[in-house]
Amino acid sequence: MELSIIQIGNSMGFRLSKTLIDKYNIKDKVELILEKGYIILKPISNPRKGWDKVFKEMHKRGDDELLLNDVFDDENLEEWI
């Protein structure tokens, strides 16, 4: 695929088609990797972004209790020693 370099303010850049953006699930940032004469663009994915705030809110509401015990009554912990 050939892309034209365009003027963007005082910088230069290129545009990616919506098809490529959608196909590679590019959101708002990409990682640029320079490797052996190549430029690689890699989508940045932050699937857990914002979870810390959500967990704090859950804790304030008391909505962060365990649904299952973390140790079961019939569990034999001796076998792990």
C-alpha atoms as a PDB file:
ATOM      1  CA  MET A   1       0.000   0.000   0.000  1.00  0.00           C
ATOM      2  CA  GLU A   2       1.341   3.399  -0.934  1.00  0.00           C
ATOM      3  CA  LEU A   3       0.543   6.454   1.215  1.00  0.00           C
ATOM      4  CA  SER A   4       1.265  10.109   0.511  1.00  0.00           C
ATOM      5  CA  ILE A   5       3.051  12.213   3.102  1.00  0.00           C
ATOM      6  CA  ILE A   6       0.996  15.324   3.926  1.00  0.00           C
ATOM      7  CA  GLN A   7       1.557  18.555   5.824  1.00  0.00           C
ATOM      8  CA  ILE A   8      -0.079  18.575   9.292  1.00  0.00           C
ATOM      9  CA  GLY A   9       0.628  21.940  10.911  1.00  0.00           C
ATOM     10  CA  ASN A  10       4.426  22.177  11.257  1.00  0.00           C
ATOM     11  CA  SER A  11       4.763  18.396  10.989  1.00  0.00           C
ATOM     12  CA  MET A  12       4.413  15.801   8.276  1.00  0.00           C
ATOM     13  CA  GLY A  13       2.229  12.727   8.442  1.00  0.00           C
ATOM     14  CA  PHE A  14       0.004  10.311   6.562  1.00  0.00           C
ATOM     15  CA  ARG A  15      -3.623   9.236   6.776  1.00  0.00           C
ATOM     16  CA  LEU A  16      -4.895   5.720   7.254  1.00  0.00           C
ATOM     17  CA  SER A  17      -8.185   4.716   5.677  1.00  0.00           C
ATOM     18  CA  LYS A  18     -11.196   3.987   7.883  1.00  0.00           C
ATOM     19  CA  THR A  19     -11.096   0.429   6.546  1.00  0.00           C
ATOM     20  CA  LEU A  20      -7.583  -0.092   7.987  1.00  0.00           C
ATOM     21  CA  ILE A  21      -8.494   1.655  11.251  1.00  0.00           C
ATOM     22  CA  ASP A  22     -11.489  -0.656  11.692  1.00  0.00           C
ATOM     23  CA  LYS A  23      -9.747  -3.829  10.490  1.00  0.00           C
ATOM     24  CA  TYR A  24      -6.863  -3.468  12.952  1.00  0.00           C
ATOM     25  CA  ASN A  25      -9.005  -2.091  15.784  1.00  0.00           C
ATOM     26  CA  ILE A  26      -7.021   1.142  16.099  1.00  0.00           C
ATOM     27  CA  LYS A  27      -8.620   3.438  18.681  1.00  0.00           C
ATOM     28  CA  ASP A  28      -6.764   6.629  19.595  1.00  0.00           C
ATOM     29  CA  LYS A  29      -3.087   5.610  19.774  1.00  0.00           C
ATOM     30  CA  VAL A  30      -0.575   3.361  18.022  1.00  0.00           C
ATOM     31  CA  GLU A  31       2.901   2.261  19.036  1.00  0.00           C
ATOM     32  CA  LEU A  32       5.577   3.172  16.483  1.00  0.00           C
ATOM     33  CA  ILE A  33       8.397   0.613  16.272  1.00  0.00           C
ATOM     34  CA  LEU A  34      11.571   1.239  14.254  1.00  0.00           C
ATOM     35  CA  GLU A  35      13.131  -2.070  13.305  1.00  0.00           C
ATOM     36  CA  LYS A  36      15.776  -2.938  10.686  1.00  0.00           C
ATOM     37  CA  GLY A  37      14.790  -0.232   8.220  1.00  0.00           C
ATOM     38  CA  TYR A  38      11.051  -0.687   8.763  1.00  0.00           C
ATOM     39  CA  ILE A  39       8.441   1.400  10.537  1.00  0.00           C
ATOM     40  CA  ILE A  40       5.840  -0.742  12.282  1.00  0.00           C
ATOM     41  CA  LEU A  41       2.582   0.670  13.619  1.00  0.00           C
ATOM     42  CA  LYS A  42       1.003  -1.436  16.347  1.00  0.00           C
ATOM     43  CA  PRO A  43      -2.427  -0.677  17.855  1.00  0.00           C
ATOM     44  CA  ILE A  44      -2.293   0.097  21.583  1.00  0.00           C
ATOM     45  CA  SER A  45      -4.930  -1.720  23.531  1.00  0.00           C
ATOM     46  CA  ASN A  46      -5.820  -0.839  27.123  1.00  0.00           C
ATOM     47  CA  PRO A  47      -8.673  -3.239  27.882  1.00  0.00           C
ATOM     48  CA  ARG A  48      -8.494  -2.517  31.633  1.00  0.00           C
ATOM     49  CA  LYS A  49      -8.226   1.258  31.335  1.00  0.00           C
ATOM     50  CA  GLY A  50     -10.296   2.930  34.045  1.00  0.00           C
ATOM     51  CA  TRP A  51     -10.836  -0.236  36.073  1.00  0.00           C
ATOM     52  CA  ASP A  52      -9.101   1.298  39.117  1.00  0.00           C
ATOM     53  CA  LYS A  53     -11.723   4.046  39.316  1.00  0.00           C
ATOM     54  CA  VAL A  54     -14.569   1.591  38.829  1.00  0.00           C
ATOM     55  CA  PHE A  55     -13.229  -0.682  41.582  1.00  0.00           C
ATOM     56  CA  LYS A  56     -12.945   2.262  43.993  1.00  0.00           C
ATOM     57  CA  GLU A  57     -16.569   3.205  43.263  1.00  0.00           C
ATOM     58  CA  MET A  58     -17.664  -0.406  43.793  1.00  0.00           C
ATOM     59  CA  HIS A  59     -15.866  -0.432  47.146  1.00  0.00           C
ATOM     60  CA  LYS A  60     -17.591   2.794  48.237  1.00  0.00           C
ATOM     61  CA  ARG A  61     -20.975   1.211  47.426  1.00  0.00           C
ATOM     62  CA  GLY A  62     -20.039  -2.035  49.201  1.00  0.00           C
ATOM     63  CA  ASP A  63     -20.437  -3.858  45.906  1.00  0.00           C
ATOM     64  CA  ASP A  64     -17.050  -5.585  45.995  1.00  0.00           C
ATOM     65  CA  GLU A  65     -17.767  -8.601  48.195  1.00  0.00           C
ATOM     66  CA  LEU A  66     -16.641 -12.052  47.073  1.00  0.00           C
ATOM     67  CA  LEU A  67     -19.392 -14.055  45.381  1.00  0.00           C
ATOM     68  CA  LEU A  68     -17.602 -17.333  46.138  1.00  0.00           C
ATOM     69  CA  ASN A  69     -15.336 -18.201  49.039  1.00  0.00           C
ATOM     70  CA  ASP A  70     -11.682 -18.097  48.033  1.00  0.00           C
ATOM     71  CA  VAL A  71     -11.080 -21.311  50.036  1.00  0.00           C
ATOM     72  CA  PHE A  72     -13.609 -24.132  49.870  1.00  0.00           C
ATOM     73  CA  ASP A  73     -14.581 -26.162  52.958  1.00  0.00           C
ATOM     74  CA  ASP A  74     -13.569 -29.470  51.369  1.00  0.00           C
ATOM     75  CA  GLU A  75     -10.253 -28.177  50.052  1.00  0.00           C
ATOM     76  CA  ASN A  76      -7.163 -30.045  51.241  1.00  0.00           C
ATOM     77  CA  LEU A  77      -4.371 -27.486  51.506  1.00  0.00           C
ATOM     78  CA  GLU A  78      -1.972 -30.103  52.961  1.00  0.00           C
ATOM     79  CA  GLU A  79      -1.363 -31.598  49.525  1.00  0.00           C
ATOM     80  CA  TRP A  80       0.284 -28.324  48.407  1.00  0.00           C
ATOM     81  CA  ILE A  81       2.912 -28.406  51.153  1.00  0.00           C
END
